[in-house]
Protein backbone atom coordinates (compact mmCIF):
# COMPACT_ATOMS: atom_id res chain seq x y z
CA MET A 1 0.00 0.00 0.00
CA PHE A 2 2.71 2.44 1.01
CA GLN A 3 5.41 3.39 -1.45
CA ARG A 4 5.00 0.38 -3.69
CA ARG A 5 8.37 1.18 -5.25
CA PHE A 6 9.93 1.66 -1.82
CA LEU A 7 8.93 -1.84 -0.82
CA CYS A 8 10.69 -3.07 -3.94
CA TRP A 9 13.66 -0.80 -3.28
CA VAL A 10 14.41 -2.13 0.21
CA PRO A 11 16.02 -5.30 -1.20
CA ILE A 12 17.30 -3.54 -4.31
CA LEU A 13 19.83 -1.44 -2.44
CA GLY A 14 21.78 -2.75 0.54
CA LEU A 15 23.27 -0.01 2.74
CA ILE A 16 25.84 -1.38 5.18
CA GLY A 17 26.85 1.02 7.91
CA GLY A 18 29.73 0.37 10.27
CA VAL A 19 29.50 2.88 13.08
CA VAL A 20 30.81 1.17 16.19
CA SER A 21 34.39 2.41 16.02
CA LYS A 22 35.62 5.81 14.98
CA PRO A 23 36.21 4.97 11.30
CA GLN A 24 32.88 4.66 9.49
CA HIS A 25 31.96 3.04 6.22
CA ALA A 26 29.00 2.33 3.96
CA PHE A 27 28.73 0.13 0.89
CA SER A 28 25.75 0.48 -1.47
CA ILE A 29 25.16 -2.13 -4.14
CA PRO A 30 22.03 -3.14 -6.09
CA PHE A 31 20.61 -6.34 -4.67
CA VAL A 32 19.36 -7.45 -8.09
CA LEU A 33 22.08 -7.69 -10.74
CA ASN A 34 21.88 -8.31 -14.48
CA LYS A 35 24.40 -10.79 -15.83
CA GLY A 36 26.86 -9.33 -18.32
CA LYS A 37 25.57 -5.78 -17.75
CA ASN A 38 27.25 -2.82 -16.10
CA THR A 39 26.11 -1.72 -12.66
CA THR A 40 27.36 0.70 -10.01
CA ALA A 41 28.45 0.41 -6.38
CA CYS A 42 28.99 3.37 -4.04
CA ILE A 43 31.30 3.50 -1.01
CA ASN A 44 31.73 5.83 1.98
CA PHE A 45 34.67 6.03 4.34
CA LEU A 46 34.81 8.58 7.17
CA ASN A 47 37.43 9.36 9.80
CA LEU A 48 40.13 7.19 8.28
CA GLU A 49 43.56 7.49 9.84
CA GLU A 50 45.36 5.47 7.17
CA PRO A 51 44.92 4.70 3.45
CA LEU A 52 43.11 1.49 2.51
CA HIS A 53 43.28 -0.90 -0.41
CA LEU A 54 39.76 -1.76 -1.59
CA HIS A 55 38.91 -5.08 -3.22
CA VAL A 56 35.33 -5.92 -4.23
CA TYR A 57 34.67 -9.41 -5.56
CA MET A 58 31.76 -11.78 -6.14
CA GLU A 59 31.62 -15.47 -5.30
CA ILE A 60 29.54 -17.58 -7.69
CA ASP A 61 29.41 -21.36 -7.19
CA GLY A 62 32.68 -21.31 -5.26
CA THR A 63 34.59 -19.15 -7.77
CA ASN A 64 35.64 -15.57 -6.99
CA TYR A 65 35.32 -12.86 -9.66
CA THR A 66 36.93 -9.47 -9.06
CA MET A 67 34.49 -6.60 -9.62
CA PHE A 68 36.91 -3.73 -9.04
CA THR A 69 39.79 -2.52 -6.88
CA ASP A 70 40.59 0.98 -5.65
CA GLU A 71 42.88 2.94 -3.35
CA ILE A 72 41.14 4.86 -0.56
CA PRO A 73 43.05 7.87 0.87
CA ALA A 74 43.25 8.68 4.58
CA ARG A 75 40.43 11.18 4.44
CA ASP A 76 36.65 11.25 4.08
CA THR A 77 35.73 9.62 0.78
CA PHE A 78 32.53 9.11 -1.19
CA ARG A 79 32.76 7.64 -4.67
CA CYS A 80 30.86 5.36 -7.01
CA LYS A 81 32.42 2.76 -9.28
CA GLU A 82 30.91 1.12 -12.34
CA PHE A 83 31.71 -2.52 -13.00
CA GLN A 84 30.51 -5.38 -15.16
CA VAL A 85 28.57 -8.24 -13.61
CA PRO A 86 30.01 -11.66 -14.57
CA ASP A 87 28.08 -13.38 -17.34
CA VAL A 88 28.21 -16.88 -15.91
CA GLU A 89 25.65 -19.59 -15.35
CA ILE A 90 24.58 -20.51 -11.83
CA HIS A 91 24.45 -24.26 -11.33
CA ASN A 92 23.40 -24.25 -7.66
CA TYR A 93 20.22 -22.17 -7.52
CA PHE A 94 19.92 -22.73 -3.77
CA LYS A 95 23.13 -20.77 -3.16
CA HIS A 96 22.97 -17.11 -4.16
CA PRO A 97 26.02 -15.15 -5.30
CA VAL A 98 27.80 -13.25 -2.52
CA ILE A 99 29.53 -9.91 -3.06
CA THR A 100 32.32 -9.00 -0.64
CA MET A 101 33.97 -5.66 0.10
CA GLU A 102 37.44 -5.86 1.65
CA ALA A 103 39.23 -2.68 2.73
CA THR A 104 42.71 -3.36 4.11
CA GLY A 105 45.27 -1.05 5.70
CA GLN A 106 48.26 -1.40 8.01
CA GLU A 107 46.08 -1.56 11.13
CA LEU A 108 42.47 -1.47 9.92
CA VAL A 109 40.67 -4.30 8.11
CA ILE A 110 37.03 -3.98 7.03
CA VAL A 111 35.12 -6.90 5.51
CA GLU A 112 31.44 -6.72 4.51
CA GLN A 113 29.38 -9.25 2.59
CA ARG A 114 25.99 -9.14 0.91
CA THR A 115 23.93 -11.76 -0.88
CA VAL A 116 22.71 -10.73 -4.32
CA VAL A 117 20.55 -12.33 -7.00
CA PHE A 118 20.70 -12.36 -10.78
CA ASN A 119 17.75 -11.00 -12.69
CA ILE A 120 16.46 -13.25 -15.43
CA TYR A 121 15.26 -11.01 -18.23
CA SER A 122 13.17 -12.37 -21.07
CA ASN A 123 11.98 -10.68 -24.21
CA LEU A 124 8.75 -8.67 -24.15
CA TYR A 125 5.89 -9.34 -26.54
CA PHE A 126 2.91 -7.14 -27.38
CA VAL A 127 -0.06 -7.82 -29.63
CA GLN A 128 -1.70 -4.82 -31.30
CA LEU A 129 -5.11 -5.32 -32.91
CA ASP A 130 -6.72 -3.08 -35.49
CA ARG A 131 -9.84 -3.35 -33.32
CA PRO A 132 -10.66 -5.70 -30.45
CA ILE A 133 -14.38 -5.83 -31.23
CA HIS A 134 -15.19 -7.49 -34.54
CA GLN A 135 -18.21 -8.74 -36.47
CA PRO A 136 -18.60 -12.22 -37.91
CA GLY A 137 -17.05 -12.37 -41.37
CA GLN A 138 -14.74 -9.43 -40.68
CA LYS A 139 -11.00 -9.50 -41.35
CA VAL A 140 -8.79 -9.20 -38.27
CA HIS A 141 -5.46 -7.42 -38.65
CA PHE A 142 -2.90 -7.58 -35.86
CA ARG A 143 0.81 -7.16 -35.16
CA VAL A 144 3.14 -9.03 -32.82
CA ILE A 145 5.93 -6.81 -31.48
CA SER A 146 9.06 -8.35 -29.94
CA VAL A 147 11.64 -6.35 -27.95
CA ASP A 148 14.21 -7.16 -25.30
CA SER A 149 14.32 -5.77 -21.74
CA GLN A 150 15.96 -2.57 -23.02
CA PHE A 151 13.21 -2.13 -25.66
CA GLN A 152 15.54 -3.03 -28.52
CA PRO A 153 13.88 -4.90 -31.42
CA VAL A 154 14.45 -8.65 -31.45
CA LYS A 155 14.78 -10.76 -34.58
CA GLU A 156 13.85 -14.30 -33.62
CA LYS A 157 11.88 -17.31 -34.66
CA GLY A 158 9.09 -18.80 -32.62
CA PRO A 159 5.66 -20.38 -32.97
CA TYR A 160 2.84 -17.84 -32.73
CA LEU A 161 -0.54 -19.38 -32.04
CA GLY A 162 -3.63 -17.41 -33.01
CA HIS A 163 -7.24 -18.46 -32.64
CA PRO A 164 -8.99 -19.54 -34.82
CA ASN A 165 -5.84 -19.77 -37.02
CA VAL A 166 -2.35 -21.07 -36.26
CA TRP A 167 1.01 -19.79 -37.53
CA TYR A 168 4.27 -21.63 -36.82
CA ASN A 169 7.94 -20.60 -36.89
CA LEU A 170 7.39 -17.00 -37.88
CA THR A 171 10.37 -14.65 -37.98
CA ALA A 172 10.07 -11.25 -36.30
CA GLU A 173 11.93 -9.10 -38.81
CA HIS A 174 12.95 -5.83 -37.16
CA GLY A 175 10.92 -6.93 -34.13
CA VAL A 176 7.48 -6.99 -35.82
CA VAL A 177 5.28 -9.64 -37.43
CA SER A 178 2.09 -8.48 -39.23
CA LEU A 179 -0.68 -11.07 -39.59
CA GLU A 180 -4.33 -11.25 -40.54
CA PHE A 181 -7.20 -13.72 -40.73
CA THR A 182 -10.91 -13.63 -41.55
CA LEU A 183 -13.58 -14.58 -39.07
CA PRO A 184 -16.15 -17.06 -40.43
CA ASN A 185 -19.61 -15.67 -41.11
CA ASP A 186 -21.08 -18.18 -38.68
CA VAL A 187 -18.47 -17.79 -35.94
CA PRO A 188 -20.14 -17.97 -32.51
CA LEU A 189 -20.32 -14.64 -30.72
CA GLY A 190 -18.09 -14.30 -27.69
CA THR A 191 -14.49 -13.83 -26.63
CA TYR A 192 -11.45 -15.28 -28.40
CA HIS A 193 -7.74 -15.13 -27.66
CA ILE A 194 -4.58 -14.57 -29.64
CA TRP A 195 -1.68 -16.29 -27.90
CA VAL A 196 2.01 -15.76 -28.50
CA VAL A 197 3.65 -19.07 -27.67
CA LYS A 198 7.31 -20.10 -27.30
CA ASN A 199 9.28 -23.07 -26.06
CA SER A 200 6.87 -25.97 -25.89
CA LEU A 201 3.62 -24.04 -25.69
CA HIS A 202 4.77 -21.50 -23.11
CA ILE A 203 2.40 -18.54 -23.51
CA VAL A 204 4.33 -15.27 -23.27
CA THR A 205 1.45 -12.88 -23.99
CA GLU A 206 -2.12 -12.85 -25.20
CA GLN A 207 -4.71 -10.50 -26.66
CA ILE A 208 -8.48 -10.78 -26.41
CA ILE A 209 -10.80 -10.44 -29.42
CA GLU A 210 -14.49 -9.80 -28.86
CA VAL A 211 -16.91 -10.91 -31.58
CA LYS A 212 -20.27 -9.14 -31.45
CA LYS A 213 -23.08 -8.17 -33.77
CA TYR A 214 -23.77 -4.48 -34.15
CA GLU A 215 -27.43 -3.99 -33.38
CA HIS A 216 -29.23 -0.79 -32.47
CA GLU A 217 -32.77 -0.73 -31.13
CA MET A 218 -34.80 2.40 -30.42
CA ASP A 219 -38.10 2.83 -28.64
CA ARG A 220 -39.53 6.22 -29.47
CA LYS A 221 -41.38 6.41 -26.18
CA LEU A 222 -38.69 7.08 -23.62
CA ASN A 223 -39.29 7.94 -19.99
CA ILE A 224 -35.96 8.83 -18.43
CA THR A 225 -35.44 9.51 -14.75
CA VAL A 226 -32.06 10.65 -13.53
CA THR A 227 -31.22 9.65 -9.97
CA GLU A 228 -28.06 9.89 -7.93
CA GLU A 229 -26.42 6.57 -7.17
CA GLY A 230 -23.61 6.29 -4.71
CA THR A 231 -21.81 9.18 -3.10
CA ALA A 232 -18.54 11.03 -3.27
CA LYS A 233 -15.47 9.52 -1.68
CA ALA A 234 -12.16 11.00 -0.59
CA THR A 235 -9.15 8.70 -0.87
CA PHE A 236 -5.48 8.98 0.00
CA ASP A 237 -2.98 9.11 -2.85
CA ASN A 238 -1.17 5.97 -1.74
CA GLU A 239 1.68 6.26 -4.23
CA PHE A 240 2.91 9.39 -2.43
CA LEU A 241 2.48 8.24 1.17
CA GLN A 242 5.28 7.60 3.64
CA PRO A 243 4.81 4.53 5.87
CA PHE A 244 6.11 6.35 8.99
CA PHE A 245 6.04 9.81 10.51
CA LYS A 246 9.19 11.32 11.98
CA PRO A 247 8.92 13.59 15.05
CA GLY A 248 9.73 17.21 14.28
CA ILE A 249 9.11 16.80 10.53
CA PRO A 250 5.62 17.51 9.13
CA TYR A 251 3.84 14.43 7.83
CA VAL A 252 2.59 15.44 4.37
CA PHE A 253 -0.14 13.51 2.58
CA ALA A 254 -2.34 14.07 -0.46
CA MET A 255 -5.97 13.19 -1.13
CA THR A 256 -8.32 13.02 -4.10
CA LEU A 257 -12.08 13.57 -4.06
CA ARG A 258 -14.19 11.82 -6.70
CA ASP A 259 -17.92 11.54 -7.28
CA SER A 260 -19.83 8.29 -7.71
CA GLU A 261 -18.70 8.07 -11.35
CA GLY A 262 -15.04 8.50 -10.44
CA LYS A 263 -14.77 12.07 -11.71
CA PRO A 264 -12.67 14.59 -9.71
CA MET A 265 -14.63 17.13 -7.66
CA SER A 266 -13.11 20.60 -7.48
CA ASN A 267 -13.64 23.34 -4.88
CA GLU A 268 -15.17 20.91 -2.40
CA VAL A 269 -14.40 20.27 1.26
CA ILE A 270 -12.56 17.22 2.57
CA GLU A 271 -12.79 16.74 6.31
CA LEU A 272 -9.75 15.35 8.14
CA GLN A 273 -10.08 13.59 11.48
CA TYR A 274 -7.19 12.47 13.66
CA ASN A 275 -7.35 9.61 16.16
CA ASP A 276 -11.14 9.26 16.40
CA ASN A 277 -12.17 12.91 16.25
CA GLU A 278 -9.28 14.10 18.41
CA SER A 279 -8.78 16.93 15.92
CA ILE A 280 -10.71 18.00 12.83
CA GLN A 281 -9.45 20.04 9.89
CA ASN A 282 -10.98 20.98 6.55
CA VAL A 283 -9.17 21.32 3.21
CA ILE A 284 -10.42 22.50 -0.19
CA THR A 285 -9.82 20.50 -3.36
CA ASP A 286 -8.19 22.06 -6.41
CA ALA A 287 -9.28 21.86 -10.06
CA GLU A 288 -8.17 18.22 -10.25
CA GLY A 289 -10.03 17.24 -7.10
CA LYS A 290 -6.81 17.01 -5.09
CA ALA A 291 -5.79 18.45 -1.75
CA GLN A 292 -2.70 18.29 0.41
CA TYR A 293 -2.13 18.67 4.13
CA ALA A 294 0.89 18.69 6.45
CA PHE A 295 0.36 17.30 9.96
CA ASP A 296 2.56 18.99 12.56
CA THR A 297 4.44 16.26 14.43
CA SER A 298 6.64 18.54 16.56
CA ARG A 299 4.42 18.12 19.64
CA TYR A 300 2.90 14.76 18.78
CA ASP A 301 4.24 12.04 21.11
CA LYS A 302 1.98 9.05 20.39
CA PRO A 303 3.36 5.87 18.77
CA SER A 304 0.88 5.92 15.88
CA LEU A 305 -1.33 8.32 13.98
CA VAL A 306 -4.74 7.49 12.48
CA ILE A 307 -6.08 9.86 9.83
CA THR A 308 -9.61 9.62 8.41
CA VAL A 309 -10.71 11.60 5.36
CA LYS A 310 -14.23 12.01 4.06
CA TYR A 311 -16.24 14.26 1.79
CA LYS A 312 -18.01 17.00 3.69
CA ASP A 313 -21.22 17.85 1.90
CA LYS A 314 -22.01 21.54 2.11
CA GLU A 315 -25.61 20.69 3.01
CA GLU A 316 -24.59 18.19 5.67
CA ASP A 317 -24.51 20.73 8.50
CA GLU A 318 -28.08 21.78 7.73
CA GLU A 319 -29.44 18.26 7.93
CA GLU A 320 -29.64 15.67 10.66
CA PRO A 321 -26.38 13.80 11.31
CA VAL A 322 -25.97 10.70 9.18
CA LYS A 323 -25.57 7.39 10.97
CA TYR A 324 -23.05 5.34 9.04
CA SER A 325 -23.15 1.59 8.92
CA ARG A 326 -19.84 -0.25 8.60
CA GLU A 327 -20.40 -0.74 4.86
CA MET A 328 -21.37 2.90 4.30
CA PHE A 329 -18.33 4.07 6.28
CA PHE A 330 -15.80 2.27 4.13
CA ASN A 331 -17.63 3.35 0.95
CA THR A 332 -17.39 7.04 1.86
CA HIS A 333 -14.27 7.31 4.04
CA ASP A 334 -10.62 6.42 3.73
CA VAL A 335 -8.46 5.60 6.73
CA LEU A 336 -4.69 5.79 7.06
CA LYS A 337 -2.61 4.56 9.98
CA VAL A 338 1.09 5.36 10.21
CA TYR A 339 3.60 4.64 12.95
CA ARG A 340 6.29 6.71 14.57
CA PHE A 341 9.77 6.13 13.17
CA TYR A 342 12.33 5.25 15.83
CA SER A 343 15.77 6.81 16.08
CA ARG A 344 18.05 6.12 19.02
CA THR A 345 19.44 9.66 18.94
CA LYS A 346 16.13 11.28 17.87
CA SER A 347 17.72 12.45 14.63
CA TYR A 348 15.80 12.18 11.37
CA VAL A 349 15.95 12.99 7.68
CA GLN A 350 12.95 13.07 5.35
CA VAL A 351 12.80 13.52 1.57
CA ASP A 352 9.65 15.32 0.43
CA SER A 353 7.78 13.56 -2.33
CA LEU A 354 6.94 15.41 -5.54
CA LYS A 355 3.22 14.79 -5.84
CA LYS A 356 3.06 14.92 -9.62
CA GLN A 357 4.28 13.00 -12.63
CA LEU A 358 7.75 14.12 -13.70
CA SER A 359 9.01 14.61 -17.24
CA CYS A 360 11.99 12.74 -18.66
CA GLY A 361 15.15 14.76 -19.15
CA LYS A 362 14.03 17.63 -16.91
CA THR A 363 15.64 18.83 -13.67
CA TYR A 364 13.67 19.09 -10.43
CA ASP A 365 14.45 20.43 -6.98
CA ILE A 366 13.64 17.94 -4.24
CA ASN A 367 13.34 19.24 -0.69
CA VAL A 368 15.05 17.37 2.14
CA ARG A 369 14.18 18.09 5.80
CA TYR A 370 16.21 17.03 8.80
CA VAL A 371 16.16 17.08 12.59
CA LEU A 372 19.52 16.61 14.30
CA SER A 373 19.81 16.18 18.04
CA HIS A 374 22.85 17.05 20.11
CA GLU A 375 23.32 13.35 20.86
CA GLY A 376 23.19 12.52 17.17
CA LEU A 377 25.66 15.22 16.14
CA GLY A 378 28.14 14.64 18.93
CA ASP A 379 30.46 17.26 20.41
CA GLY A 380 32.40 19.61 18.18
CA ALA A 381 30.47 18.90 14.99
CA ARG A 382 30.72 21.75 12.49
CA ASN A 383 29.53 20.10 9.27
CA ILE A 384 27.33 17.19 8.31
CA THR A 385 27.22 15.51 4.92
CA PHE A 386 24.11 14.02 3.34
CA TYR A 387 24.56 11.52 0.51
CA TYR A 388 21.96 10.66 -2.09
CA LEU A 389 21.51 7.83 -4.58
CA MET A 390 18.95 7.43 -7.37
CA VAL A 391 18.02 3.85 -8.21
CA SER A 392 16.16 2.70 -11.31
CA GLN A 393 16.01 -0.59 -13.19
CA ASP A 394 18.22 -2.32 -10.62
CA LYS A 395 20.98 0.23 -11.05
CA ILE A 396 22.35 3.30 -9.26
CA VAL A 397 21.95 5.93 -11.98
CA ARG A 398 22.68 9.11 -10.00
CA SER A 399 24.69 9.90 -6.86
CA GLY A 400 26.00 12.89 -4.99
CA GLU A 401 26.55 14.58 -1.64
CA HIS A 402 25.41 17.75 0.09
CA LEU A 403 27.38 19.47 2.86
CA VAL A 404 25.47 21.34 5.58
CA ASN A 405 27.32 23.86 7.73
CA ILE A 406 25.92 23.53 11.24
CA SER A 407 28.38 25.88 12.90
CA GLU A 408 26.19 28.84 12.08
CA LYS A 409 22.49 29.36 12.46
CA LEU A 410 20.78 28.07 9.32
CA PRO A 411 18.55 30.55 7.43
CA CYS A 412 15.83 27.90 7.35
CA PHE A 413 16.05 27.16 11.07
CA MET A 414 12.59 26.20 12.28
CA ALA A 415 11.35 27.90 15.43
CA MET A 416 8.91 25.09 16.12
CA ALA A 417 11.64 22.84 17.54
CA GLN A 418 10.36 20.93 20.52
CA ASP A 419 13.85 20.63 21.92
CA LYS A 420 15.93 23.79 21.69
CA ASN A 421 19.06 21.66 21.36
CA ASP A 422 17.68 20.08 18.18
CA LEU A 423 18.68 21.54 14.86
CA HIS A 424 15.91 21.73 12.27
CA GLY A 425 16.64 22.60 8.68
CA ASN A 426 16.20 21.72 5.06
CA PHE A 427 18.05 21.84 1.78
CA SER A 428 17.30 21.18 -1.87
CA LEU A 429 18.68 18.50 -4.17
CA SER A 430 18.72 19.24 -7.89
CA VAL A 431 18.02 15.96 -9.68
CA THR A 432 17.81 15.45 -13.43
CA MET A 433 15.52 12.75 -14.73
CA PRO A 434 17.15 10.58 -17.40
CA SER A 435 15.71 10.56 -20.91
CA GLN A 436 14.42 7.01 -20.61
CA TYR A 437 12.83 5.08 -17.77
CA THR A 438 10.81 1.92 -17.71
CA SER A 439 10.40 1.97 -13.95
CA ASP A 440 9.82 4.76 -11.48
CA PRO A 441 13.12 5.87 -9.90
CA CYS A 442 13.67 5.88 -6.15
CA ILE A 443 15.88 8.31 -4.24
CA VAL A 444 17.57 7.53 -0.94
CA VAL A 445 19.20 10.22 1.19
CA TYR A 446 21.33 9.23 4.17
CA SER A 447 23.87 10.64 6.59
CA MET A 448 26.42 8.81 8.71
CA LEU A 449 26.21 10.32 12.18
CA PRO A 450 28.78 9.31 14.80
CA SER A 451 26.50 6.67 16.33
CA GLU A 452 23.87 5.83 13.70
CA VAL A 453 22.95 6.11 10.03
CA ILE A 454 19.79 8.12 9.32
CA SER A 455 18.07 7.74 5.95
CA SER A 456 14.93 8.41 3.95
CA THR A 457 13.59 7.03 0.68
CA ILE A 458 10.99 8.21 -1.81
CA CYS A 459 9.93 6.86 -5.17
CA LEU A 460 9.07 9.29 -7.95
CA SER A 461 6.41 8.99 -10.61
CA ILE A 462 7.94 9.65 -14.03
CA GLU A 463 6.26 9.70 -17.41
CA LYS A 464 6.85 6.63 -19.52
CA CYS A 465 9.12 7.98 -22.21
CA PHE A 466 11.64 6.20 -24.38
CA LYS A 467 15.09 6.93 -25.71
CA HIS A 468 13.70 6.76 -29.24
CA GLN A 469 11.85 10.06 -29.73
CA VAL A 470 9.14 9.93 -32.40
CA SER A 471 6.45 12.35 -33.59
CA LEU A 472 3.36 12.17 -35.76
CA SER A 473 1.23 14.99 -37.23
CA PHE A 474 -1.38 15.66 -39.89
CA SER A 475 -0.64 18.25 -42.59
CA ALA A 476 -4.00 19.88 -41.84
CA PRO A 477 -6.27 19.80 -38.78
CA GLU A 478 -9.42 19.00 -40.79
CA GLY A 479 -10.66 18.09 -44.25
CA ALA A 480 -13.68 17.01 -46.27
CA PRO A 481 -14.42 13.34 -47.01
CA GLY A 482 -12.70 12.26 -50.20
CA SER A 483 -9.94 14.84 -49.94
CA ASP A 484 -6.27 14.01 -49.38
CA VAL A 485 -4.24 14.70 -46.26
CA ASN A 486 -0.63 13.90 -45.44
CA LEU A 487 0.47 12.14 -42.28
CA VAL A 488 4.01 13.23 -41.40
CA LEU A 489 6.10 11.03 -39.13
CA LYS A 490 9.58 11.50 -37.68
CA ALA A 491 11.79 8.84 -36.14
CA ASP A 492 15.32 7.50 -36.28
CA PRO A 493 16.56 6.76 -39.82
CA LYS A 494 15.58 3.31 -41.11
CA SER A 495 12.96 2.87 -38.38
CA LEU A 496 9.98 0.60 -38.92
CA CYS A 497 6.81 2.31 -37.68
CA GLY A 498 3.33 0.97 -37.01
CA LEU A 499 0.54 3.49 -37.64
CA GLN A 500 -3.02 3.36 -36.40
CA ILE A 501 -5.79 5.92 -36.99
CA ILE A 502 -9.05 5.37 -35.15
CA ASP A 503 -12.34 7.16 -34.57
CA SER A 504 -11.89 8.97 -31.24
CA SER A 505 -15.50 8.26 -30.24
CA ILE A 506 -14.37 4.66 -29.79
CA LEU A 507 -12.61 5.74 -26.62
CA LEU A 508 -15.98 6.61 -25.08
CA HIS A 509 -16.93 2.95 -25.24
CA GLU A 510 -13.64 1.27 -24.41
CA LYS A 511 -11.45 2.68 -21.63
CA LYS A 512 -8.23 0.84 -22.44
CA GLU A 513 -4.82 2.28 -23.16
CA GLN A 514 -3.26 2.83 -26.55
CA LEU A 515 0.14 1.57 -27.59
CA THR A 516 1.90 4.77 -26.53
CA GLY A 517 4.57 5.88 -24.12
CA GLU A 518 1.90 6.40 -21.47
CA GLY A 519 2.01 2.69 -20.65
CA GLN A 520 5.07 1.29 -18.91
CA PHE A 521 4.53 -1.75 -21.08
CA PRO A 522 2.50 -0.60 -24.08
CA LYS A 523 -1.01 -1.84 -24.60
CA VAL A 524 -3.30 -1.65 -27.59
CA THR A 525 -6.35 0.59 -27.68
CA SER A 526 -9.69 -1.13 -27.41
CA LEU A 527 -11.92 0.01 -30.22
CA ARG A 528 -15.70 0.24 -30.18
CA TYR A 529 -17.94 -1.21 -32.83
CA ALA A 530 -18.81 1.63 -35.19
CA PHE A 531 -19.12 2.29 -38.86
CA PRO A 532 -15.75 3.32 -40.38
CA ASP A 533 -13.96 3.20 -37.04
CA ILE A 534 -10.55 2.31 -38.52
CA TRP A 535 -8.98 4.66 -41.04
CA TYR A 536 -5.46 3.27 -41.29
CA PHE A 537 -3.54 0.34 -39.85
CA ASP A 538 -0.23 -0.34 -41.56
CA MET A 539 3.57 -0.37 -41.29
CA VAL A 540 5.78 2.40 -42.73
CA THR A 541 9.57 2.51 -43.10
CA VAL A 542 11.37 5.79 -42.37
CA GLY A 543 14.14 6.76 -44.79
CA GLU A 544 17.66 8.03 -44.20
CA SER A 545 16.35 11.55 -43.52
CA GLY A 546 14.49 10.40 -40.40
CA SER A 547 11.08 11.41 -41.73
CA ALA A 548 8.35 10.03 -43.96
CA SER A 549 5.01 11.19 -45.32
CA VAL A 550 1.94 9.08 -46.04
CA THR A 551 -0.85 10.46 -48.26
CA LEU A 552 -4.28 9.32 -47.12
CA ARG A 553 -7.81 9.72 -48.48
CA VAL A 554 -10.20 11.13 -45.86
CA PRO A 555 -12.97 8.58 -45.05
CA ASN A 556 -16.53 9.25 -46.10
CA ALA A 557 -17.73 9.98 -42.59
CA GLY A 558 -17.75 12.88 -40.18
CA ALA A 559 -15.57 11.98 -37.23
CA GLN A 560 -12.75 13.01 -34.93
CA TRP A 561 -9.75 10.86 -35.78
CA GLN A 562 -6.77 10.07 -33.56
CA ALA A 563 -3.47 8.86 -35.00
CA SER A 564 -0.86 7.05 -32.90
CA MET A 565 2.42 5.40 -33.79
CA PHE A 566 5.18 3.18 -32.46
CA CYS A 567 8.59 2.77 -34.10
CA LEU A 568 11.46 0.31 -33.79
CA SER A 569 15.04 1.31 -34.51
CA GLU A 570 18.20 -0.79 -34.38
CA GLU A 571 19.97 2.21 -32.86
CA SER A 572 17.48 3.60 -30.32
CA GLY A 573 15.01 0.75 -29.87
CA PHE A 574 11.32 1.24 -29.18
CA GLY A 575 9.61 4.63 -29.33
CA ALA A 576 5.97 5.69 -29.26
CA THR A 577 3.90 8.84 -29.46
CA ILE A 578 2.82 9.99 -26.02
CA TYR A 579 -0.22 11.92 -27.24
CA PRO A 580 -2.31 11.25 -30.38
CA SER A 581 -2.41 13.52 -33.42
CA ASN A 582 -5.95 14.70 -34.17
CA PHE A 583 -7.83 15.22 -37.44
CA THR A 584 -11.47 16.12 -38.09
CA SER A 585 -13.35 14.95 -41.18
CA THR A 586 -16.22 17.37 -41.80
CA LEU A 587 -19.40 16.77 -43.79
CA TYR A 588 -19.96 20.44 -44.64
């Protein structure tokens, strides 16, 4: 429920802190490694009195493989090293590989070990239909797309099983196979499946086809009564929640208010209740039906915090109080329970979550709050260093450090400190999102205090963009049926692109995703049954210039058309349009 990516991140990154003696160290390594691929490990050494020789190696089935070596000077050091994971087979699956860090000096010897696992990546397969709802006797066009874990096109042979037809040993040239078959006129109505099968009938993906008849019945005598069903409900935005609250740092949470149809409700009141009506606050939703609140924890000394949110109807105060049954309560309320985070020295650090979807390639400032006690800082402390790591796709992709001068009064010193000996402050980390992500990145910030390591983790929501940037546009925004219009596409040279133009009214009937960058793993659009609901469904090759133009005849129907595209390049891999290109065919 809380920080779904954080729960995955806990085993992904192992932070080993040695803080018993004066010299301190930390070793950060992804828990999940990809054989034959490069990964990164980060090391910290503080308060060293002598230089150390560093040796990091991995034991696999009794054999040691050196990952890297380094020389550590007799001073505070933070550095990250990239290395290649051995591409070897594991014969004993009950014994995981072990990675060891050895740091050796004249007097000091540090040895740390961590168990890791190898990720087993397989190719990804998608099936894109021209339309998922078909009539008996209609021709079904579809494409099978094959890419590897890095979204590079895969050329391979394998049996593809389609129902009611079967194709064997097809070759995915440039990562795509285009197929078609005709439904019999007497095919029974219902649901059918297209299966992609490999290795002795192992199904790797499937796509559903619905066969229906298009019938429309109308009774001229209509008596329509509109009634309200259900009620509005406020819910927590779970993807941005922290599982604990830290004393002295505000606990920030976000909520969304939706009506009975799931639509956001703006400029409405959400009522917040703490610990069974112990305290009540009201917040107003914005244009997207969202609201945010920060609970002050500086004077809160209980081990847990229970927050209840509900929609507060403006007419509720004028009516008799509503008595909620258990079922009605959970249909109208949302409840969150978080626990106090424990620190032996009562020192904390907290990374504020960015409660929005981030764009690839852009730079964002992320706020970091901290509370440092006198016990945590120790005597004579003048500076404290915070380290940060960004983890995505089982790899440390960003790292850095931030020095805070605590010898002077910080400009952002918070007067709300419950203990005057505690130092409250915050700073900003400037983090650039990479140009391509297939998983939401997580950021960990930590500091090595004299007697404990304090840390905080958040996972960010990033748009699903790809390294291969593509675009698609019509030469004109509208046109009359029978006229010509050009569809201009841009992609890497020699790319193979799949185009699809559909009637946008289809989306009112089928709420499924298109094959675009909006899906972490692309999915095909579900199309409604309509008249000319498909305008174009074909493959186009881009030339050396990186662009191509397709001349199309506007269908003989008035409609709003949406064009989408995916492309496969040997150089940049998979790319897809994030938003559709629109065209209107007018009958006047």
